[in-house]
Amino acid sequence: MWVTPTAIGSGLGRMLWSHAVETARANGYTAFSIESDPNAEGFYLRHGAKRVGEIVSAATGRVLPLMSYVIPGAKDRGAV
């Protein structure tokens, strides 16, 4: 998910995050991984994700934070 710079601070990112978490929960997932833009890492950290490493983007060659988010209260059926 991406939010344009002009929409940052509008609550759109929070709404997209909530939708992603609830969609994962509804489909039985307990956790998911995020290949974050470096500029978005703080957003994910504030929402409870943890940095677990980094990867190199195949598209750009940039080093991206690799993050993991555990869905609170989700029943264990796997992770994406």
PDB file of N, CA and C in Angstrom:
ATOM      1  N   MET A   1       0.845  -1.178   0.000  1.00  0.00           N
ATOM      2  CA  MET A   1       0.000   0.000   0.000  1.00  0.00           C
ATOM      3  C   MET A   1       0.883   1.232   0.000  1.00  0.00           C
ATOM      4  N   TRP A   2       0.422   2.247  -0.660  1.00  0.00           N
ATOM      5  CA  TRP A   2       1.165   3.503  -0.763  1.00  0.00           C
ATOM      6  C   TRP A   2       0.219   4.658  -0.526  1.00  0.00           C
ATOM      7  N   VAL A   3       0.725   5.666   0.146  1.00  0.00           N
ATOM      8  CA  VAL A   3      -0.027   6.907   0.347  1.00  0.00           C
ATOM      9  C   VAL A   3       0.821   8.026  -0.245  1.00  0.00           C
ATOM     10  N   THR A   4       0.226   8.811  -1.102  1.00  0.00           N
ATOM     11  CA  THR A   4       0.986   9.917  -1.696  1.00  0.00           C
ATOM     12  C   THR A   4       1.365  10.924  -0.614  1.00  0.00           C
ATOM     13  N   PRO A   5       2.488  11.596  -0.792  1.00  0.00           N
ATOM     14  CA  PRO A   5       2.926  12.557   0.218  1.00  0.00           C
ATOM     15  C   PRO A   5       1.859  13.591   0.589  1.00  0.00           C
ATOM     16  N   THR A   6       1.034  14.001  -0.359  1.00  0.00           N
ATOM     17  CA  THR A   6       0.003  14.996  -0.044  1.00  0.00           C
ATOM     18  C   THR A   6      -1.082  14.441   0.876  1.00  0.00           C
ATOM     19  N   ALA A   7      -1.211  13.105   0.956  1.00  0.00           N
ATOM     20  CA  ALA A   7      -2.234  12.492   1.808  1.00  0.00           C
ATOM     21  C   ALA A   7      -1.684  12.063   3.170  1.00  0.00           C
ATOM     22  N   ILE A   8      -0.367  12.167   3.365  1.00  0.00           N
ATOM     23  CA  ILE A   8       0.216  11.784   4.655  1.00  0.00           C
ATOM     24  C   ILE A   8      -0.330  12.705   5.739  1.00  0.00           C
ATOM     25  N   GLY A   9      -0.767  12.091   6.822  1.00  0.00           N
ATOM     26  CA  GLY A   9      -1.337  12.853   7.936  1.00  0.00           C
ATOM     27  C   GLY A   9      -2.845  12.999   7.851  1.00  0.00           C
ATOM     28  N   SER A  10      -3.446  12.488   6.791  1.00  0.00           N
ATOM     29  CA  SER A  10      -4.893  12.633   6.596  1.00  0.00           C
ATOM     30  C   SER A  10      -5.699  11.506   7.237  1.00  0.00           C
ATOM     31  N   GLY A  11      -5.014  10.448   7.700  1.00  0.00           N
ATOM     32  CA  GLY A  11      -5.713   9.290   8.258  1.00  0.00           C
ATOM     33  C   GLY A  11      -5.902   8.175   7.241  1.00  0.00           C
ATOM     34  N   LEU A  12      -5.574   8.426   5.982  1.00  0.00           N
ATOM     35  CA  LEU A  12      -5.737   7.410   4.944  1.00  0.00           C
ATOM     36  C   LEU A  12      -4.847   6.197   5.204  1.00  0.00           C
ATOM     37  N   GLY A  13      -3.604   6.412   5.583  1.00  0.00           N
ATOM     38  CA  GLY A  13      -2.702   5.302   5.886  1.00  0.00           C
ATOM     39  C   GLY A  13      -3.230   4.441   7.020  1.00  0.00           C
ATOM     40  N   ARG A  14      -3.765   5.074   8.042  1.00  0.00           N
ATOM     41  CA  ARG A  14      -4.353   4.351   9.179  1.00  0.00           C
ATOM     42  C   ARG A  14      -5.534   3.502   8.727  1.00  0.00           C
ATOM     43  N   MET A  15      -6.360   4.058   7.832  1.00  0.00           N
ATOM     44  CA  MET A  15      -7.514   3.295   7.316  1.00  0.00           C
ATOM     45  C   MET A  15      -7.043   2.104   6.478  1.00  0.00           C
ATOM     46  N   LEU A  16      -6.038   2.309   5.622  1.00  0.00           N
ATOM     47  CA  LEU A  16      -5.512   1.212   4.818  1.00  0.00           C
ATOM     48  C   LEU A  16      -4.893   0.134   5.700  1.00  0.00           C
ATOM     49  N   TRP A  17      -4.153   0.555   6.726  1.00  0.00           N
ATOM     50  CA  TRP A  17      -3.541  -0.395   7.661  1.00  0.00           C
ATOM     51  C   TRP A  17      -4.622  -1.230   8.348  1.00  0.00           C
ATOM     52  N   SER A  18      -5.650  -0.583   8.864  1.00  0.00           N
ATOM     53  CA  SER A  18      -6.740  -1.304   9.543  1.00  0.00           C
ATOM     54  C   SER A  18      -7.399  -2.303   8.600  1.00  0.00           C
ATOM     55  N   HIS A  19      -7.617  -1.890   7.362  1.00  0.00           N
ATOM     56  CA  HIS A  19      -8.227  -2.784   6.374  1.00  0.00           C
ATOM     57  C   HIS A  19      -7.323  -3.997   6.115  1.00  0.00           C
ATOM     58  N   ALA A  20      -6.017  -3.770   5.967  1.00  0.00           N
ATOM     59  CA  ALA A  20      -5.080  -4.870   5.725  1.00  0.00           C
ATOM     60  C   ALA A  20      -5.076  -5.853   6.892  1.00  0.00           C
ATOM     61  N   VAL A  21      -5.025  -5.329   8.116  1.00  0.00           N
ATOM     62  CA  VAL A  21      -5.009  -6.189   9.304  1.00  0.00           C
ATOM     63  C   VAL A  21      -6.307  -6.990   9.404  1.00  0.00           C
ATOM     64  N   GLU A  22      -7.439  -6.327   9.216  1.00  0.00           N
ATOM     65  CA  GLU A  22      -8.724  -7.027   9.333  1.00  0.00           C
ATOM     66  C   GLU A  22      -8.931  -8.042   8.213  1.00  0.00           C
ATOM     67  N   THR A  23      -8.432  -7.739   7.022  1.00  0.00           N
ATOM     68  CA  THR A  23      -8.525  -8.695   5.912  1.00  0.00           C
ATOM     69  C   THR A  23      -7.687  -9.930   6.206  1.00  0.00           C
ATOM     70  N   ALA A  24      -6.471  -9.724   6.699  1.00  0.00           N
ATOM     71  CA  ALA A  24      -5.615 -10.858   7.061  1.00  0.00           C
ATOM     72  C   ALA A  24      -6.269 -11.681   8.172  1.00  0.00           C
ATOM     73  N   ARG A  25      -6.791 -11.011   9.185  1.00  0.00           N
ATOM     74  CA  ARG A  25      -7.452 -11.712  10.298  1.00  0.00           C
ATOM     75  C   ARG A  25      -8.652 -12.520   9.794  1.00  0.00           C
ATOM     76  N   ALA A  26      -9.474 -11.920   8.955  1.00  0.00           N
ATOM     77  CA  ALA A  26     -10.675 -12.588   8.427  1.00  0.00           C
ATOM     78  C   ALA A  26     -10.323 -13.817   7.594  1.00  0.00           C
ATOM     79  N   ASN A  27      -9.127 -13.815   7.027  1.00  0.00           N
ATOM     80  CA  ASN A  27      -8.696 -14.950   6.210  1.00  0.00           C
ATOM     81  C   ASN A  27      -7.853 -15.942   6.997  1.00  0.00           C
ATOM     82  N   GLY A  28      -7.830 -15.791   8.319  1.00  0.00           N
ATOM     83  CA  GLY A  28      -7.204 -16.769   9.190  1.00  0.00           C
ATOM     84  C   GLY A  28      -5.721 -16.605   9.440  1.00  0.00           C
ATOM     85  N   TYR A  29      -5.149 -15.478   9.053  1.00  0.00           N
ATOM     86  CA  TYR A  29      -3.715 -15.272   9.271  1.00  0.00           C
ATOM     87  C   TYR A  29      -3.457 -14.693  10.656  1.00  0.00           C
ATOM     88  N   THR A  30      -2.300 -15.027  11.204  1.00  0.00           N
ATOM     89  CA  THR A  30      -1.918 -14.521  12.518  1.00  0.00           C
ATOM     90  C   THR A  30      -0.818 -13.475  12.413  1.00  0.00           C
ATOM     91  N   ALA A  31      -0.190 -13.392  11.249  1.00  0.00           N
ATOM     92  CA  ALA A  31       0.922 -12.462  11.056  1.00  0.00           C
ATOM     93  C   ALA A  31       1.114 -12.235   9.566  1.00  0.00           C
ATOM     94  N   PHE A  32       1.824 -11.168   9.250  1.00  0.00           N
ATOM     95  CA  PHE A  32       2.211 -10.954   7.860  1.00  0.00           C
ATOM     96  C   PHE A  32       3.514 -10.169   7.811  1.00  0.00           C
ATOM     97  N   SER A  33       4.171 -10.250   6.662  1.00  0.00           N
ATOM     98  CA  SER A  33       5.441  -9.568   6.438  1.00  0.00           C
ATOM     99  C   SER A  33       5.226  -8.316   5.605  1.00  0.00           C
ATOM    100  N   ILE A  34       6.115  -7.356   5.790  1.00  0.00           N
ATOM    101  CA  ILE A  34       6.037  -6.084   5.074  1.00  0.00           C
ATOM    102  C   ILE A  34       7.425  -5.773   4.527  1.00  0.00           C
ATOM    103  N   GLU A  35       7.511  -5.524   3.224  1.00  0.00           N
ATOM    104  CA  GLU A  35       8.730  -4.992   2.624  1.00  0.00           C
ATOM    105  C   GLU A  35       8.497  -3.490   2.548  1.00  0.00           C
ATOM    106  N   SER A  36       9.025  -2.769   3.515  1.00  0.00           N
ATOM    107  CA  SER A  36       8.697  -1.357   3.703  1.00  0.00           C
ATOM    108  C   SER A  36       9.599  -0.426   2.905  1.00  0.00           C
ATOM    109  N   ASP A  37       9.022   0.654   2.443  1.00  0.00           N
ATOM    110  CA  ASP A  37       9.839   1.757   1.965  1.00  0.00           C
ATOM    111  C   ASP A  37      10.552   2.311   3.204  1.00  0.00           C
ATOM    112  N   PRO A  38      11.821   2.679   3.091  1.00  0.00           N
ATOM    113  CA  PRO A  38      12.518   3.221   4.265  1.00  0.00           C
ATOM    114  C   PRO A  38      11.793   4.401   4.907  1.00  0.00           C
ATOM    115  N   ASN A  39      11.137   5.215   4.106  1.00  0.00           N
ATOM    116  CA  ASN A  39      10.414   6.369   4.646  1.00  0.00           C
ATOM    117  C   ASN A  39       9.130   5.989   5.377  1.00  0.00           C
ATOM    118  N   ALA A  40       8.645   4.778   5.181  1.00  0.00           N
ATOM    119  CA  ALA A  40       7.409   4.334   5.828  1.00  0.00           C
ATOM    120  C   ALA A  40       7.669   3.455   7.056  1.00  0.00           C
ATOM    121  N   GLU A  41       8.927   3.145   7.316  1.00  0.00           N
ATOM    122  CA  GLU A  41       9.233   2.248   8.434  1.00  0.00           C
ATOM    123  C   GLU A  41       8.656   2.758   9.756  1.00  0.00           C
ATOM    124  N   GLY A  42       8.768   4.049  10.018  1.00  0.00           N
ATOM    125  CA  GLY A  42       8.235   4.612  11.264  1.00  0.00           C
ATOM    126  C   GLY A  42       6.741   4.390  11.406  1.00  0.00           C
ATOM    127  N   PHE A  43       6.010   4.500  10.307  1.00  0.00           N
ATOM    128  CA  PHE A  43       4.557   4.257  10.320  1.00  0.00           C
ATOM    129  C   PHE A  43       4.274   2.837  10.809  1.00  0.00           C
ATOM    130  N   TYR A  44       4.970   1.871  10.204  1.00  0.00           N
ATOM    131  CA  TYR A  44       4.733   0.473  10.580  1.00  0.00           C
ATOM    132  C   TYR A  44       5.166   0.195  12.015  1.00  0.00           C
ATOM    133  N   LEU A  45       6.277   0.777  12.437  1.00  0.00           N
ATOM    134  CA  LEU A  45       6.709   0.601  13.827  1.00  0.00           C
ATOM    135  C   LEU A  45       5.666   1.154  14.795  1.00  0.00           C
ATOM    136  N   ARG A  46       5.109   2.320  14.481  1.00  0.00           N
ATOM    137  CA  ARG A  46       4.078   2.910  15.349  1.00  0.00           C
ATOM    138  C   ARG A  46       2.824   2.049  15.424  1.00  0.00           C
ATOM    139  N   HIS A  47       2.584   1.234  14.406  1.00  0.00           N
ATOM    140  CA  HIS A  47       1.408   0.370  14.382  1.00  0.00           C
ATOM    141  C   HIS A  47       1.705  -1.036  14.889  1.00  0.00           C
ATOM    142  N   GLY A  48       2.895  -1.242  15.430  1.00  0.00           N
ATOM    143  CA  GLY A  48       3.198  -2.504  16.101  1.00  0.00           C
ATOM    144  C   GLY A  48       4.038  -3.492  15.324  1.00  0.00           C
ATOM    145  N   ALA A  49       4.437  -3.157  14.109  1.00  0.00           N
ATOM    146  CA  ALA A  49       5.313  -4.053  13.357  1.00  0.00           C
ATOM    147  C   ALA A  49       6.723  -3.992  13.944  1.00  0.00           C
ATOM    148  N   LYS A  50       7.483  -5.033  13.715  1.00  0.00           N
ATOM    149  CA  LYS A  50       8.869  -5.115  14.180  1.00  0.00           C
ATOM    150  C   LYS A  50       9.777  -5.303  12.972  1.00  0.00           C
ATOM    151  N   ARG A  51      10.925  -4.647  12.998  1.00  0.00           N
ATOM    152  CA  ARG A  51      11.905  -4.859  11.935  1.00  0.00           C
ATOM    153  C   ARG A  51      12.605  -6.180  12.181  1.00  0.00           C
ATOM    154  N   VAL A  52      12.628  -7.049  11.165  1.00  0.00           N
ATOM    155  CA  VAL A  52      13.239  -8.367  11.316  1.00  0.00           C
ATOM    156  C   VAL A  52      14.431  -8.555  10.388  1.00  0.00           C
ATOM    157  N   GLY A  53      14.735  -7.552   9.589  1.00  0.00           N
ATOM    158  CA  GLY A  53      15.870  -7.643   8.677  1.00  0.00           C
ATOM    159  C   GLY A  53      15.738  -6.614   7.577  1.00  0.00           C
ATOM    160  N   GLU A  54      16.379  -6.900   6.453  1.00  0.00           N
ATOM    161  CA  GLU A  54      16.275  -6.026   5.298  1.00  0.00           C
ATOM    162  C   GLU A  54      16.453  -6.849   4.040  1.00  0.00           C
ATOM    163  N   ILE A  55      15.954  -6.309   2.932  1.00  0.00           N
ATOM    164  CA  ILE A  55      16.075  -6.962   1.640  1.00  0.00           C
ATOM    165  C   ILE A  55      16.473  -5.913   0.614  1.00  0.00           C
ATOM    166  N   VAL A  56      16.974  -6.379  -0.504  1.00  0.00           N
ATOM    167  CA  VAL A  56      17.303  -5.481  -1.604  1.00  0.00           C
ATOM    168  C   VAL A  56      16.173  -5.578  -2.623  1.00  0.00           C
ATOM    169  N   SER A  57      15.606  -4.447  -2.981  1.00  0.00           N
ATOM    170  CA  SER A  57      14.524  -4.411  -3.957  1.00  0.00           C
ATOM    171  C   SER A  57      15.036  -4.846  -5.321  1.00  0.00           C
ATOM    172  N   ALA A  58      14.362  -5.827  -5.924  1.00  0.00           N
ATOM    173  CA  ALA A  58      14.729  -6.277  -7.265  1.00  0.00           C
ATOM    174  C   ALA A  58      14.463  -5.183  -8.291  1.00  0.00           C
ATOM    175  N   ALA A  59      13.481  -4.342  -8.024  1.00  0.00           N
ATOM    176  CA  ALA A  59      13.100  -3.299  -8.983  1.00  0.00           C
ATOM    177  C   ALA A  59      14.035  -2.104  -8.957  1.00  0.00           C
ATOM    178  N   THR A  60      14.511  -1.735  -7.767  1.00  0.00           N
ATOM    179  CA  THR A  60      15.287  -0.490  -7.654  1.00  0.00           C
ATOM    180  C   THR A  60      16.701  -0.669  -7.127  1.00  0.00           C
ATOM    181  N   GLY A  61      16.987  -1.813  -6.506  1.00  0.00           N
ATOM    182  CA  GLY A  61      18.288  -2.032  -5.891  1.00  0.00           C
ATOM    183  C   GLY A  61      18.434  -1.382  -4.526  1.00  0.00           C
ATOM    184  N   ARG A  62      17.373  -0.700  -4.066  1.00  0.00           N
ATOM    185  CA  ARG A  62      17.417  -0.065  -2.739  1.00  0.00           C
ATOM    186  C   ARG A  62      17.299  -1.106  -1.642  1.00  0.00           C
ATOM    187  N   VAL A  63      17.902  -0.817  -0.502  1.00  0.00           N
ATOM    188  CA  VAL A  63      17.758  -1.675   0.673  1.00  0.00           C
ATOM    189  C   VAL A  63      16.469  -1.263   1.383  1.00  0.00           C
ATOM    190  N   LEU A  64      15.602  -2.245   1.600  1.00  0.00           N
ATOM    191  CA  LEU A  64      14.305  -1.993   2.220  1.00  0.00           C
ATOM    192  C   LEU A  64      14.220  -2.698   3.563  1.00  0.00           C
ATOM    193  N   PRO A  65      13.616  -2.055   4.556  1.00  0.00           N
ATOM    194  CA  PRO A  65      13.364  -2.738   5.825  1.00  0.00           C
ATOM    195  C   PRO A  65      12.381  -3.894   5.617  1.00  0.00           C
ATOM    196  N   LEU A  66      12.694  -5.046   6.177  1.00  0.00           N
ATOM    197  CA  LEU A  66      11.778  -6.183   6.188  1.00  0.00           C
ATOM    198  C   LEU A  66      11.168  -6.228   7.574  1.00  0.00           C
ATOM    199  N   MET A  67       9.848  -6.226   7.610  1.00  0.00           N
ATOM    200  CA  MET A  67       9.154  -6.111   8.883  1.00  0.00           C
ATOM    201  C   MET A  67       8.153  -7.242   9.040  1.00  0.00           C
ATOM    202  N   SER A  68       7.753  -7.485  10.271  1.00  0.00           N
ATOM    203  CA  SER A  68       6.766  -8.504  10.579  1.00  0.00           C
ATOM    204  C   SER A  68       5.737  -7.908  11.533  1.00  0.00           C
ATOM    205  N   TYR A  69       4.497  -8.275  11.313  1.00  0.00           N
ATOM    206  CA  TYR A  69       3.414  -7.815  12.191  1.00  0.00           C
ATOM    207  C   TYR A  69       2.614  -9.022  12.643  1.00  0.00           C
ATOM    208  N   VAL A  70       2.456  -9.181  13.947  1.00  0.00           N
ATOM    209  CA  VAL A  70       1.644 -10.242  14.528  1.00  0.00           C
ATOM    210  C   VAL A  70       0.287  -9.639  14.866  1.00  0.00           C
ATOM    211  N   ILE A  71      -0.765 -10.245  14.348  1.00  0.00           N
ATOM    212  CA  ILE A  71      -2.120  -9.731  14.530  1.00  0.00           C
ATOM    213  C   ILE A  71      -2.604 -10.077  15.941  1.00  0.00           C
ATOM    214  N   PRO A  72      -2.877  -9.069  16.757  1.00  0.00           N
ATOM    215  CA  PRO A  72      -3.337  -9.338  18.131  1.00  0.00           C
ATOM    216  C   PRO A  72      -4.638 -10.140  18.140  1.00  0.00           C
ATOM    217  N   GLY A  73      -4.661 -11.178  18.950  1.00  0.00           N
ATOM    218  CA  GLY A  73      -5.877 -11.959  19.136  1.00  0.00           C
ATOM    219  C   GLY A  73      -6.230 -12.891  18.005  1.00  0.00           C
ATOM    220  N   ALA A  74      -5.408 -12.976  16.980  1.00  0.00           N
ATOM    221  CA  ALA A  74      -5.723 -13.864  15.853  1.00  0.00           C
ATOM    222  C   ALA A  74      -5.440 -15.308  16.236  1.00  0.00           C
ATOM    223  N   LYS A  75      -6.284 -16.226  15.757  1.00  0.00           N
ATOM    224  CA  LYS A  75      -6.081 -17.639  16.002  1.00  0.00           C
ATOM    225  C   LYS A  75      -5.078 -18.176  15.006  1.00  0.00           C
ATOM    226  N   ASP A  76      -4.160 -19.041  15.466  1.00  0.00           N
ATOM    227  CA  ASP A  76      -3.057 -19.524  14.640  1.00  0.00           C
ATOM    228  C   ASP A  76      -3.524 -20.427  13.505  1.00  0.00           C
ATOM    229  N   ARG A  77      -3.428 -19.913  12.268  1.00  0.00           N
ATOM    230  CA  ARG A  77      -3.702 -20.718  11.066  1.00  0.00           C
ATOM    231  C   ARG A  77      -2.636 -20.474  10.016  1.00  0.00           C
ATOM    232  N   GLY A  78      -1.584 -19.721  10.346  1.00  0.00           N
ATOM    233  CA  GLY A  78      -0.504 -19.506   9.396  1.00  0.00           C
ATOM    234  C   GLY A  78      -0.180 -18.027   9.232  1.00  0.00           C
ATOM    235  N   ALA A  79       0.818 -17.763   8.430  1.00  0.00           N
ATOM    236  CA  ALA A  79       1.231 -16.386   8.170  1.00  0.00           C
ATOM    237  C   ALA A  79       1.562 -16.230   6.705  1.00  0.00           C
ATOM    238  N   VAL A  80       1.499 -15.002   6.224  1.00  0.00           N
ATOM    239  CA  VAL A  80       1.897 -14.708   4.839  1.00  0.00           C
ATOM    240  C   VAL A  80       3.179 -13.916   4.857  1.00  0.00           C
TER     241      VAL A  80
END
